[in-house]
Amino acid sequence: MIGVQLAGQLKEAGLTWKPALGDRFAIPDRDLDDEVFVLSNMTIEVHAMPEGPVIGFNGTTEWALDDVEMDETVWLPREDQLRELLGGTFQQLRRGPNGYEVLIDLLGERREFTAATVEGAYAAALLHLLAAAGLNHPLE
């Protein structure tokens, strides 16, 4: 799983989140940085409100929270979600001497990204794609 800091970099780079059941997220800057929450149809759900979507905490699982606005959260995408976001640019994942290596091809330019974890390597490649997209349109 990627950390809150790397997830925050993806968010700042323009990655948008369309919440789905099973998605993990964090709520930074509210003394909850070390807590990972999971969207579930029984305890944590997304509610459409006039001011925008909010994440509601149902029941007693998080007694200190009723709901939190989406922009206060940071999505922690899973390995499969990161790979899917790379789309057709993704070429290869391999284990290298310095960790995991993700190879992408963007308009004929091959780039390699290395990190200690698979998710970290995927996230580094995705950061590169977001920067290449120029923030004109967030990847979804």
C-alpha atoms as a PDB file:
ATOM      1  CA  MET A   1       0.000   0.000   0.000  1.00  0.00           C
ATOM      2  CA  ILE A   2       1.303   3.470  -0.793  1.00  0.00           C
ATOM      3  CA  GLY A   3       1.651   5.925   2.056  1.00  0.00           C
ATOM      4  CA  VAL A   4      -0.346   9.053   2.701  1.00  0.00           C
ATOM      5  CA  GLN A   5       2.493  11.310   1.505  1.00  0.00           C
ATOM      6  CA  LEU A   6       2.795   9.602  -1.901  1.00  0.00           C
ATOM      7  CA  ALA A   7      -0.995   9.452  -2.228  1.00  0.00           C
ATOM      8  CA  GLY A   8      -1.093  13.188  -1.493  1.00  0.00           C
ATOM      9  CA  GLN A   9       1.443  13.818  -4.258  1.00  0.00           C
ATOM     10  CA  LEU A  10      -0.784  11.916  -6.699  1.00  0.00           C
ATOM     11  CA  LYS A  11      -3.791  13.966  -5.603  1.00  0.00           C
ATOM     12  CA  GLU A  12      -1.875  17.239  -5.972  1.00  0.00           C
ATOM     13  CA  ALA A  13      -0.701  16.123  -9.417  1.00  0.00           C
ATOM     14  CA  GLY A  14      -4.315  15.846 -10.546  1.00  0.00           C
ATOM     15  CA  LEU A  15      -5.394  12.270  -9.844  1.00  0.00           C
ATOM     16  CA  THR A  16      -9.116  12.199  -9.166  1.00  0.00           C
ATOM     17  CA  TRP A  17     -10.927   9.598  -7.132  1.00  0.00           C
ATOM     18  CA  LYS A  18     -14.275   8.070  -7.976  1.00  0.00           C
ATOM     19  CA  PRO A  19     -14.950   6.185  -4.741  1.00  0.00           C
ATOM     20  CA  ALA A  20     -15.937   2.531  -5.002  1.00  0.00           C
ATOM     21  CA  LEU A  21     -16.555  -0.192  -2.446  1.00  0.00           C
ATOM     22  CA  GLY A  22     -13.295  -1.549  -1.099  1.00  0.00           C
ATOM     23  CA  ASP A  23     -11.312   1.633  -1.777  1.00  0.00           C
ATOM     24  CA  ARG A  24      -8.909   2.667   0.964  1.00  0.00           C
ATOM     25  CA  PHE A  25      -8.362   6.256   2.051  1.00  0.00           C
ATOM     26  CA  ALA A  26      -6.812   8.365   4.769  1.00  0.00           C
ATOM     27  CA  ILE A  27      -7.794  11.605   6.450  1.00  0.00           C
ATOM     28  CA  PRO A  28      -4.561  13.556   6.889  1.00  0.00           C
ATOM     29  CA  ASP A  29      -4.066  16.558   9.149  1.00  0.00           C
ATOM     30  CA  ARG A  30      -6.761  15.516  11.645  1.00  0.00           C
ATOM     31  CA  ASP A  31      -4.622  13.314  13.906  1.00  0.00           C
ATOM     32  CA  LEU A  32      -5.720  10.340  11.798  1.00  0.00           C
ATOM     33  CA  ASP A  33      -2.690  10.067   9.504  1.00  0.00           C
ATOM     34  CA  ASP A  34      -1.942   6.508  10.602  1.00  0.00           C
ATOM     35  CA  GLU A  35      -5.530   5.293  10.146  1.00  0.00           C
ATOM     36  CA  VAL A  36      -6.602   3.612   6.920  1.00  0.00           C
ATOM     37  CA  PHE A  37     -10.327   3.575   6.187  1.00  0.00           C
ATOM     38  CA  VAL A  38     -12.127   1.315   3.711  1.00  0.00           C
ATOM     39  CA  LEU A  39     -15.350   2.174   1.885  1.00  0.00           C
ATOM     40  CA  SER A  40     -17.990  -0.389   2.731  1.00  0.00           C
ATOM     41  CA  ASN A  41     -21.705  -0.518   2.069  1.00  0.00           C
ATOM     42  CA  MET A  42     -22.266  -1.129   5.770  1.00  0.00           C
ATOM     43  CA  THR A  43     -20.002   1.258   7.661  1.00  0.00           C
ATOM     44  CA  ILE A  44     -18.405   3.904   5.422  1.00  0.00           C
ATOM     45  CA  GLU A  45     -20.314   5.165   2.396  1.00  0.00           C
ATOM     46  CA  VAL A  46     -20.202   8.074  -0.050  1.00  0.00           C
ATOM     47  CA  HIS A  47     -23.250  10.353   0.111  1.00  0.00           C
ATOM     48  CA  ALA A  48     -24.184  12.916  -2.550  1.00  0.00           C
ATOM     49  CA  MET A  49     -24.862  16.267  -0.898  1.00  0.00           C
ATOM     50  CA  PRO A  50     -25.737  19.624  -2.510  1.00  0.00           C
ATOM     51  CA  GLU A  51     -22.253  20.951  -1.640  1.00  0.00           C
ATOM     52  CA  GLY A  52     -20.587  17.846  -3.083  1.00  0.00           C
ATOM     53  CA  PRO A  53     -19.880  14.261  -2.112  1.00  0.00           C
ATOM     54  CA  VAL A  54     -19.101  13.448   1.508  1.00  0.00           C
ATOM     55  CA  ILE A  55     -17.951  10.231   3.103  1.00  0.00           C
ATOM     56  CA  GLY A  56     -20.332   9.201   5.880  1.00  0.00           C
ATOM     57  CA  PHE A  57     -19.344   7.045   8.841  1.00  0.00           C
ATOM     58  CA  ASN A  58     -22.316   4.916   9.875  1.00  0.00           C
ATOM     59  CA  GLY A  59     -22.827   3.168  13.181  1.00  0.00           C
ATOM     60  CA  THR A  60     -20.219   3.021  15.879  1.00  0.00           C
ATOM     61  CA  THR A  61     -17.101   2.251  13.849  1.00  0.00           C
ATOM     62  CA  GLU A  62     -15.852   5.814  13.962  1.00  0.00           C
ATOM     63  CA  TRP A  63     -17.792   7.465  16.743  1.00  0.00           C
ATOM     64  CA  ALA A  64     -15.801  10.702  16.478  1.00  0.00           C
ATOM     65  CA  LEU A  65     -16.733  11.253  12.813  1.00  0.00           C
ATOM     66  CA  ASP A  66     -20.133  11.727  11.251  1.00  0.00           C
ATOM     67  CA  ASP A  67     -18.833  12.565   7.801  1.00  0.00           C
ATOM     68  CA  VAL A  68     -15.880  14.127   6.016  1.00  0.00           C
ATOM     69  CA  GLU A  69     -15.739  16.059   2.745  1.00  0.00           C
ATOM     70  CA  MET A  70     -14.020  14.299  -0.143  1.00  0.00           C
ATOM     71  CA  ASP A  71     -11.380  17.017  -0.491  1.00  0.00           C
ATOM     72  CA  GLU A  72     -10.256  16.304   3.085  1.00  0.00           C
ATOM     73  CA  THR A  73      -9.425  12.703   2.204  1.00  0.00           C
ATOM     74  CA  VAL A  74      -6.572  11.085   0.319  1.00  0.00           C
ATOM     75  CA  TRP A  75      -7.231   7.995  -1.782  1.00  0.00           C
ATOM     76  CA  LEU A  76      -4.790   5.129  -1.221  1.00  0.00           C
ATOM     77  CA  PRO A  77      -5.075   3.226  -4.504  1.00  0.00           C
ATOM     78  CA  ARG A  78      -4.287  -0.477  -4.553  1.00  0.00           C
ATOM     79  CA  GLU A  79      -1.700  -2.072  -6.834  1.00  0.00           C
ATOM     80  CA  ASP A  80      -4.316  -3.131  -9.393  1.00  0.00           C
ATOM     81  CA  GLN A  81      -5.848   0.368  -9.454  1.00  0.00           C
ATOM     82  CA  LEU A  82      -2.464   2.018 -10.009  1.00  0.00           C
ATOM     83  CA  ARG A  83      -1.659  -0.416 -12.834  1.00  0.00           C
ATOM     84  CA  GLU A  84      -5.055   0.254 -14.431  1.00  0.00           C
ATOM     85  CA  LEU A  85      -4.483   4.015 -14.251  1.00  0.00           C
ATOM     86  CA  LEU A  86      -1.264   3.568 -16.248  1.00  0.00           C
ATOM     87  CA  GLY A  87      -3.450   2.233 -19.058  1.00  0.00           C
ATOM     88  CA  GLY A  88      -1.800   1.397 -22.345  1.00  0.00           C
ATOM     89  CA  THR A  89       1.467   3.044 -21.293  1.00  0.00           C
ATOM     90  CA  PHE A  90       2.231   0.157 -18.929  1.00  0.00           C
ATOM     91  CA  GLN A  91       4.730  -2.259 -20.445  1.00  0.00           C
ATOM     92  CA  GLN A  92       6.320  -4.339 -17.721  1.00  0.00           C
ATOM     93  CA  LEU A  93       6.773  -4.950 -14.003  1.00  0.00           C
ATOM     94  CA  ARG A  94       9.928  -6.717 -12.888  1.00  0.00           C
ATOM     95  CA  ARG A  95      12.058  -7.237  -9.814  1.00  0.00           C
ATOM     96  CA  GLY A  96      15.395  -5.471 -10.081  1.00  0.00           C
ATOM     97  CA  PRO A  97      18.474  -5.117  -7.890  1.00  0.00           C
ATOM     98  CA  ASN A  98      17.090  -1.943  -6.263  1.00  0.00           C
ATOM     99  CA  GLY A  99      13.459  -3.017  -5.852  1.00  0.00           C
ATOM    100  CA  TYR A 100      10.574  -3.171  -8.274  1.00  0.00           C
ATOM    101  CA  GLU A 101      10.799  -1.619 -11.726  1.00  0.00           C
ATOM    102  CA  VAL A 102       7.865  -0.428 -13.786  1.00  0.00           C
ATOM    103  CA  LEU A 103       8.448   0.239 -17.459  1.00  0.00           C
ATOM    104  CA  ILE A 104       6.070   2.516 -19.365  1.00  0.00           C
ATOM    105  CA  ASP A 105       5.989   3.772 -22.932  1.00  0.00           C
ATOM    106  CA  LEU A 106       4.591   7.253 -23.426  1.00  0.00           C
ATOM    107  CA  LEU A 107       4.415   8.296 -27.060  1.00  0.00           C
ATOM    108  CA  GLY A 108       7.421   6.177 -27.958  1.00  0.00           C
ATOM    109  CA  GLU A 109       9.512   7.265 -24.993  1.00  0.00           C
ATOM    110  CA  ARG A 110      10.288   4.362 -22.679  1.00  0.00           C
ATOM    111  CA  ARG A 111      10.777   5.228 -19.000  1.00  0.00           C
ATOM    112  CA  GLU A 112      11.587   3.082 -15.997  1.00  0.00           C
ATOM    113  CA  PHE A 113      10.549   3.796 -12.395  1.00  0.00           C
ATOM    114  CA  THR A 114      12.029   1.971  -9.416  1.00  0.00           C
ATOM    115  CA  ALA A 115      10.796   1.755  -5.831  1.00  0.00           C
ATOM    116  CA  ALA A 116      11.030  -0.569  -2.853  1.00  0.00           C
ATOM    117  CA  THR A 117       7.416  -1.707  -3.358  1.00  0.00           C
ATOM    118  CA  VAL A 118       5.350  -2.553  -6.420  1.00  0.00           C
ATOM    119  CA  GLU A 119       2.816   0.123  -5.488  1.00  0.00           C
ATOM    120  CA  GLY A 120       5.570   2.708  -5.121  1.00  0.00           C
ATOM    121  CA  ALA A 121       6.952   1.948  -8.574  1.00  0.00           C
ATOM    122  CA  TYR A 122       3.469   2.164 -10.131  1.00  0.00           C
ATOM    123  CA  ALA A 123       2.811   5.431  -8.280  1.00  0.00           C
ATOM    124  CA  ALA A 124       6.102   6.954  -9.499  1.00  0.00           C
ATOM    125  CA  ALA A 125       5.187   6.084 -13.082  1.00  0.00           C
ATOM    126  CA  LEU A 126       1.710   7.541 -12.586  1.00  0.00           C
ATOM    127  CA  LEU A 127       3.179  10.777 -11.201  1.00  0.00           C
ATOM    128  CA  HIS A 128       5.219  11.021 -14.394  1.00  0.00           C
ATOM    129  CA  LEU A 129       2.094  10.543 -16.538  1.00  0.00           C
ATOM    130  CA  LEU A 130       0.165  13.143 -14.564  1.00  0.00           C
ATOM    131  CA  ALA A 131       2.991  15.630 -15.039  1.00  0.00           C
ATOM    132  CA  ALA A 132       3.082  14.809 -18.764  1.00  0.00           C
ATOM    133  CA  ALA A 133      -0.687  15.388 -18.956  1.00  0.00           C
ATOM    134  CA  GLY A 134      -0.013  18.950 -17.791  1.00  0.00           C
ATOM    135  CA  LEU A 135      -2.952  18.983 -15.390  1.00  0.00           C
ATOM    136  CA  ASN A 136      -5.230  19.957 -18.286  1.00  0.00           C
ATOM    137  CA  HIS A 137      -7.440  16.979 -17.560  1.00  0.00           C
ATOM    138  CA  PRO A 138      -7.085  14.754 -14.503  1.00  0.00           C
ATOM    139  CA  LEU A 139      -6.701  11.020 -15.073  1.00  0.00           C
ATOM    140  CA  GLU A 140      -9.666   9.019 -13.842  1.00  0.00           C
END
